[in-house]
Amino acid sequence: MSAIICPHCKNPIYDEDALLCHYCGNSLARVSSGAVGKMRAAGMKWVLVALGVITLVITIIMFQ
């Protein structure tokens, strides 16, 4: 079983599903393994920017 080191208090956490440190209570800054977590890890910011630009272009074309 691998340990995760808390970035705040530097204590090892052996719970693989933990999102908060058991010692200090701060976030372990882990990305969840679900679909939203994978999208966020893959650059969700750029996906949202691309969708915004596409929406803007479609709106401009429709009002021409």
PDB file of N, CA and C in Angstrom:
ATOM      1  N   MET A   1       0.853  -1.178   0.000  1.00  0.00           N
ATOM      2  CA  MET A   1       0.000   0.000   0.000  1.00  0.00           C
ATOM      3  C   MET A   1       0.895   1.236   0.000  1.00  0.00           C
ATOM      4  N   SER A   2       0.671   2.114  -0.962  1.00  0.00           N
ATOM      5  CA  SER A   2       1.502   3.302  -1.080  1.00  0.00           C
ATOM      6  C   SER A   2       0.979   4.425  -0.183  1.00  0.00           C
ATOM      7  N   ALA A   3       1.887   5.244   0.251  1.00  0.00           N
ATOM      8  CA  ALA A   3       1.527   6.364   1.115  1.00  0.00           C
ATOM      9  C   ALA A   3       1.505   7.653   0.310  1.00  0.00           C
ATOM     10  N   ILE A   4       0.575   8.519   0.656  1.00  0.00           N
ATOM     11  CA  ILE A   4       0.487   9.859   0.081  1.00  0.00           C
ATOM     12  C   ILE A   4       1.015  10.805   1.149  1.00  0.00           C
ATOM     13  N   ILE A   5       1.906  11.691   0.774  1.00  0.00           N
ATOM     14  CA  ILE A   5       2.480  12.639   1.722  1.00  0.00           C
ATOM     15  C   ILE A   5       1.667  13.931   1.684  1.00  0.00           C
ATOM     16  N   CYS A   6       1.202  14.362   2.851  1.00  0.00           N
ATOM     17  CA  CYS A   6       0.443  15.607   2.949  1.00  0.00           C
ATOM     18  C   CYS A   6       1.365  16.785   2.613  1.00  0.00           C
ATOM     19  N   PRO A   7       0.950  17.679   1.687  1.00  0.00           N
ATOM     20  CA  PRO A   7       1.809  18.810   1.334  1.00  0.00           C
ATOM     21  C   PRO A   7       1.928  19.856   2.449  1.00  0.00           C
ATOM     22  N   HIS A   8       1.059  19.794   3.445  1.00  0.00           N
ATOM     23  CA  HIS A   8       1.073  20.795   4.515  1.00  0.00           C
ATOM     24  C   HIS A   8       1.865  20.330   5.732  1.00  0.00           C
ATOM     25  N   CYS A   9       1.514  19.156   6.279  1.00  0.00           N
ATOM     26  CA  CYS A   9       2.168  18.698   7.514  1.00  0.00           C
ATOM     27  C   CYS A   9       3.212  17.611   7.265  1.00  0.00           C
ATOM     28  N   LYS A  10       3.339  17.123   6.030  1.00  0.00           N
ATOM     29  CA  LYS A  10       4.340  16.141   5.606  1.00  0.00           C
ATOM     30  C   LYS A  10       4.179  14.775   6.268  1.00  0.00           C
ATOM     31  N   ASN A  11       2.996  14.467   6.779  1.00  0.00           N
ATOM     32  CA  ASN A  11       2.721  13.144   7.350  1.00  0.00           C
ATOM     33  C   ASN A  11       2.214  12.217   6.255  1.00  0.00           C
ATOM     34  N   PRO A  12       2.562  10.922   6.337  1.00  0.00           N
ATOM     35  CA  PRO A  12       2.073   9.980   5.320  1.00  0.00           C
ATOM     36  C   PRO A  12       0.618   9.594   5.581  1.00  0.00           C
ATOM     37  N   ILE A  13      -0.154   9.487   4.509  1.00  0.00           N
ATOM     38  CA  ILE A  13      -1.549   9.055   4.574  1.00  0.00           C
ATOM     39  C   ILE A  13      -1.636   7.758   3.777  1.00  0.00           C
ATOM     40  N   TYR A  14      -2.094   6.687   4.420  1.00  0.00           N
ATOM     41  CA  TYR A  14      -2.150   5.385   3.767  1.00  0.00           C
ATOM     42  C   TYR A  14      -3.523   5.061   3.189  1.00  0.00           C
ATOM     43  N   ASP A  15      -4.485   5.931   3.372  1.00  0.00           N
ATOM     44  CA  ASP A  15      -5.820   5.742   2.815  1.00  0.00           C
ATOM     45  C   ASP A  15      -5.827   6.274   1.381  1.00  0.00           C
ATOM     46  N   GLU A  16      -6.034   5.387   0.405  1.00  0.00           N
ATOM     47  CA  GLU A  16      -5.969   5.792  -0.998  1.00  0.00           C
ATOM     48  C   GLU A  16      -7.147   6.652  -1.429  1.00  0.00           C
ATOM     49  N   ASP A  17      -8.268   6.594  -0.712  1.00  0.00           N
ATOM     50  CA  ASP A  17      -9.454   7.360  -1.079  1.00  0.00           C
ATOM     51  C   ASP A  17      -9.572   8.676  -0.317  1.00  0.00           C
ATOM     52  N   ALA A  18      -8.615   8.994   0.530  1.00  0.00           N
ATOM     53  CA  ALA A  18      -8.692  10.199   1.359  1.00  0.00           C
ATOM     54  C   ALA A  18      -8.473  11.447   0.518  1.00  0.00           C
ATOM     55  N   LEU A  19      -9.298  12.446   0.740  1.00  0.00           N
ATOM     56  CA  LEU A  19      -9.131  13.744   0.085  1.00  0.00           C
ATOM     57  C   LEU A  19      -8.607  14.795   1.049  1.00  0.00           C
ATOM     58  N   LEU A  20      -8.768  14.529   2.359  1.00  0.00           N
ATOM     59  CA  LEU A  20      -8.268  15.431   3.393  1.00  0.00           C
ATOM     60  C   LEU A  20      -7.257  14.701   4.262  1.00  0.00           C
ATOM     61  N   CYS A  21      -6.282  15.432   4.780  1.00  0.00           N
ATOM     62  CA  CYS A  21      -5.272  14.859   5.669  1.00  0.00           C
ATOM     63  C   CYS A  21      -5.922  14.469   6.993  1.00  0.00           C
ATOM     64  N   HIS A  22      -5.570  13.301   7.500  1.00  0.00           N
ATOM     65  CA  HIS A  22      -6.119  12.833   8.775  1.00  0.00           C
ATOM     66  C   HIS A  22      -5.521  13.584   9.959  1.00  0.00           C
ATOM     67  N   TYR A  23      -4.364  14.208   9.774  1.00  0.00           N
ATOM     68  CA  TYR A  23      -3.664  14.879  10.866  1.00  0.00           C
ATOM     69  C   TYR A  23      -4.001  16.366  10.952  1.00  0.00           C
ATOM     70  N   CYS A  24      -3.890  17.072   9.815  1.00  0.00           N
ATOM     71  CA  CYS A  24      -4.100  18.524   9.861  1.00  0.00           C
ATOM     72  C   CYS A  24      -5.433  18.959   9.247  1.00  0.00           C
ATOM     73  N   GLY A  25      -6.094  18.080   8.490  1.00  0.00           N
ATOM     74  CA  GLY A  25      -7.394  18.397   7.914  1.00  0.00           C
ATOM     75  C   GLY A  25      -7.351  19.174   6.617  1.00  0.00           C
ATOM     76  N   ASN A  26      -6.169  19.502   6.123  1.00  0.00           N
ATOM     77  CA  ASN A  26      -6.055  20.243   4.867  1.00  0.00           C
ATOM     78  C   ASN A  26      -6.228  19.319   3.669  1.00  0.00           C
ATOM     79  N   SER A  27      -6.483  19.904   2.527  1.00  0.00           N
ATOM     80  CA  SER A  27      -6.688  19.141   1.305  1.00  0.00           C
ATOM     81  C   SER A  27      -5.389  18.481   0.861  1.00  0.00           C
ATOM     82  N   LEU A  28      -5.504  17.260   0.327  1.00  0.00           N
ATOM     83  CA  LEU A  28      -4.336  16.567  -0.199  1.00  0.00           C
ATOM     84  C   LEU A  28      -4.071  16.942  -1.652  1.00  0.00           C
ATOM     85  N   ALA A  29      -4.903  17.814  -2.223  1.00  0.00           N
ATOM     86  CA  ALA A  29      -4.746  18.322  -3.591  1.00  0.00           C
ATOM     87  C   ALA A  29      -4.696  17.181  -4.595  1.00  0.00           C
ATOM     88  N   ARG A  30      -5.606  16.237  -4.431  1.00  0.00           N
ATOM     89  CA  ARG A  30      -5.681  15.110  -5.345  1.00  0.00           C
ATOM     90  C   ARG A  30      -6.819  15.338  -6.322  1.00  0.00           C
ATOM     91  N   VAL A  31      -6.634  14.882  -7.557  1.00  0.00           N
ATOM     92  CA  VAL A  31      -7.674  14.940  -8.578  1.00  0.00           C
ATOM     93  C   VAL A  31      -8.441  13.633  -8.493  1.00  0.00           C
ATOM     94  N   SER A  32      -9.752  13.709  -8.447  1.00  0.00           N
ATOM     95  CA  SER A  32     -10.554  12.494  -8.339  1.00  0.00           C
ATOM     96  C   SER A  32     -10.401  11.640  -9.587  1.00  0.00           C
ATOM     97  N   SER A  33     -10.707  10.363  -9.457  1.00  0.00           N
ATOM     98  CA  SER A  33     -10.530   9.447 -10.579  1.00  0.00           C
ATOM     99  C   SER A  33     -11.793   9.306 -11.416  1.00  0.00           C
ATOM    100  N   GLY A  34     -12.823  10.098 -11.143  1.00  0.00           N
ATOM    101  CA  GLY A  34     -14.063  10.044 -11.917  1.00  0.00           C
ATOM    102  C   GLY A  34     -13.927  10.775 -13.236  1.00  0.00           C
ATOM    103  N   ALA A  35     -15.007  10.846 -13.970  1.00  0.00           N
ATOM    104  CA  ALA A  35     -14.991  11.478 -15.291  1.00  0.00           C
ATOM    105  C   ALA A  35     -14.679  12.970 -15.190  1.00  0.00           C
ATOM    106  N   VAL A  36     -15.237  13.636 -14.198  1.00  0.00           N
ATOM    107  CA  VAL A  36     -14.981  15.078 -14.034  1.00  0.00           C
ATOM    108  C   VAL A  36     -13.527  15.303 -13.657  1.00  0.00           C
ATOM    109  N   GLY A  37     -12.988  14.463 -12.808  1.00  0.00           N
ATOM    110  CA  GLY A  37     -11.586  14.585 -12.419  1.00  0.00           C
ATOM    111  C   GLY A  37     -10.645  14.378 -13.588  1.00  0.00           C
ATOM    112  N   LYS A  38     -10.966  13.432 -14.454  1.00  0.00           N
ATOM    113  CA  LYS A  38     -10.130  13.193 -15.629  1.00  0.00           C
ATOM    114  C   LYS A  38     -10.212  14.363 -16.592  1.00  0.00           C
ATOM    115  N   MET A  39     -11.393  14.950 -16.756  1.00  0.00           N
ATOM    116  CA  MET A  39     -11.527  16.113 -17.630  1.00  0.00           C
ATOM    117  C   MET A  39     -10.762  17.290 -17.056  1.00  0.00           C
ATOM    118  N   ARG A  40     -10.834  17.470 -15.756  1.00  0.00           N
ATOM    119  CA  ARG A  40     -10.127  18.572 -15.114  1.00  0.00           C
ATOM    120  C   ARG A  40      -8.622  18.386 -15.264  1.00  0.00           C
ATOM    121  N   ALA A  41      -8.154  17.161 -15.130  1.00  0.00           N
ATOM    122  CA  ALA A  41      -6.730  16.888 -15.257  1.00  0.00           C
ATOM    123  C   ALA A  41      -6.254  17.051 -16.693  1.00  0.00           C
ATOM    124  N   ALA A  42      -7.130  16.825 -17.660  1.00  0.00           N
ATOM    125  CA  ALA A  42      -6.747  16.910 -19.068  1.00  0.00           C
ATOM    126  C   ALA A  42      -6.784  18.335 -19.599  1.00  0.00           C
ATOM    127  N   GLY A  43      -7.112  19.294 -18.804  1.00  0.00           N
ATOM    128  CA  GLY A  43      -7.133  20.679 -19.266  1.00  0.00           C
ATOM    129  C   GLY A  43      -8.534  21.183 -19.510  1.00  0.00           C
ATOM    130  N   MET A  44      -9.380  21.081 -18.513  1.00  0.00           N
ATOM    131  CA  MET A  44     -10.769  21.509 -18.644  1.00  0.00           C
ATOM    132  C   MET A  44     -10.857  22.985 -19.015  1.00  0.00           C
ATOM    133  N   LYS A  45      -9.872  23.763 -18.611  1.00  0.00           N
ATOM    134  CA  LYS A  45      -9.876  25.190 -18.921  1.00  0.00           C
ATOM    135  C   LYS A  45      -9.896  25.408 -20.424  1.00  0.00           C
ATOM    136  N   TRP A  46      -9.097  24.671 -21.163  1.00  0.00           N
ATOM    137  CA  TRP A  46      -9.019  24.848 -22.606  1.00  0.00           C
ATOM    138  C   TRP A  46     -10.275  24.364 -23.308  1.00  0.00           C
ATOM    139  N   VAL A  47     -10.924  23.361 -22.753  1.00  0.00           N
ATOM    140  CA  VAL A  47     -12.188  22.891 -23.327  1.00  0.00           C
ATOM    141  C   VAL A  47     -13.250  23.975 -23.184  1.00  0.00           C
ATOM    142  N   LEU A  48     -13.315  24.594 -22.024  1.00  0.00           N
ATOM    143  CA  LEU A  48     -14.291  25.655 -21.798  1.00  0.00           C
ATOM    144  C   LEU A  48     -13.999  26.887 -22.666  1.00  0.00           C
ATOM    145  N   VAL A  49     -12.741  27.224 -22.840  1.00  0.00           N
ATOM    146  CA  VAL A  49     -12.380  28.353 -23.697  1.00  0.00           C
ATOM    147  C   VAL A  49     -12.790  28.064 -25.140  1.00  0.00           C
ATOM    148  N   ALA A  50     -12.539  26.838 -25.607  1.00  0.00           N
ATOM    149  CA  ALA A  50     -12.915  26.466 -26.974  1.00  0.00           C
ATOM    150  C   ALA A  50     -14.428  26.519 -27.159  1.00  0.00           C
ATOM    151  N   LEU A  51     -15.181  26.022 -26.183  1.00  0.00           N
ATOM    152  CA  LEU A  51     -16.643  26.077 -26.269  1.00  0.00           C
ATOM    153  C   LEU A  51     -17.149  27.515 -26.272  1.00  0.00           C
ATOM    154  N   GLY A  52     -16.523  28.369 -25.498  1.00  0.00           N
ATOM    155  CA  GLY A  52     -16.902  29.780 -25.479  1.00  0.00           C
ATOM    156  C   GLY A  52     -16.645  30.462 -26.802  1.00  0.00           C
ATOM    157  N   VAL A  53     -15.505  30.181 -27.416  1.00  0.00           N
ATOM    158  CA  VAL A  53     -15.173  30.779 -28.706  1.00  0.00           C
ATOM    159  C   VAL A  53     -16.131  30.284 -29.783  1.00  0.00           C
ATOM    160  N   ILE A  54     -16.432  28.986 -29.778  1.00  0.00           N
ATOM    161  CA  ILE A  54     -17.370  28.428 -30.755  1.00  0.00           C
ATOM    162  C   ILE A  54     -18.747  29.056 -30.596  1.00  0.00           C
ATOM    163  N   THR A  55     -19.204  29.210 -29.355  1.00  0.00           N
ATOM    164  CA  THR A  55     -20.502  29.832 -29.099  1.00  0.00           C
ATOM    165  C   THR A  55     -20.521  31.276 -29.587  1.00  0.00           C
ATOM    166  N   LEU A  56     -19.449  32.001 -29.353  1.00  0.00           N
ATOM    167  CA  LEU A  56     -19.364  33.392 -29.801  1.00  0.00           C
ATOM    168  C   LEU A  56     -19.399  33.486 -31.318  1.00  0.00           C
ATOM    169  N   VAL A  57     -18.674  32.616 -31.989  1.00  0.00           N
ATOM    170  CA  VAL A  57     -18.652  32.635 -33.451  1.00  0.00           C
ATOM    171  C   VAL A  57     -20.026  32.287 -34.014  1.00  0.00           C
ATOM    172  N   ILE A  58     -20.692  31.293 -33.454  1.00  0.00           N
ATOM    173  CA  ILE A  58     -22.029  30.924 -33.932  1.00  0.00           C
ATOM    174  C   ILE A  58     -23.014  32.069 -33.720  1.00  0.00           C
ATOM    175  N   THR A  59     -22.932  32.757 -32.590  1.00  0.00           N
ATOM    176  CA  THR A  59     -23.826  33.880 -32.305  1.00  0.00           C
ATOM    177  C   THR A  59     -23.594  35.004 -33.302  1.00  0.00           C
ATOM    178  N   ILE A  60     -22.341  35.293 -33.590  1.00  0.00           N
ATOM    179  CA  ILE A  60     -22.031  36.365 -34.563  1.00  0.00           C
ATOM    180  C   ILE A  60     -22.548  35.989 -35.947  1.00  0.00           C
ATOM    181  N   ILE A  61     -22.378  34.735 -36.357  1.00  0.00           N
ATOM    182  CA  ILE A  61     -22.852  34.293 -37.672  1.00  0.00           C
ATOM    183  C   ILE A  61     -24.365  34.372 -37.761  1.00  0.00           C
ATOM    184  N   MET A  62     -25.072  34.010 -36.688  1.00  0.00           N
ATOM    185  CA  MET A  62     -26.536  34.022 -36.722  1.00  0.00           C
ATOM    186  C   MET A  62     -27.113  35.426 -36.806  1.00  0.00           C
ATOM    187  N   PHE A  63     -26.433  36.431 -36.254  1.00  0.00           N
ATOM    188  CA  PHE A  63     -26.939  37.810 -36.295  1.00  0.00           C
ATOM    189  C   PHE A  63     -26.476  38.581 -37.514  1.00  0.00           C
ATOM    190  N   GLN A  64     -25.786  37.942 -38.438  1.00  0.00           N
ATOM    191  CA  GLN A  64     -25.345  38.603 -39.669  1.00  0.00           C
ATOM    192  C   GLN A  64     -26.436  38.624 -40.698  1.00  0.00           C
TER     193      GLN A  64
END
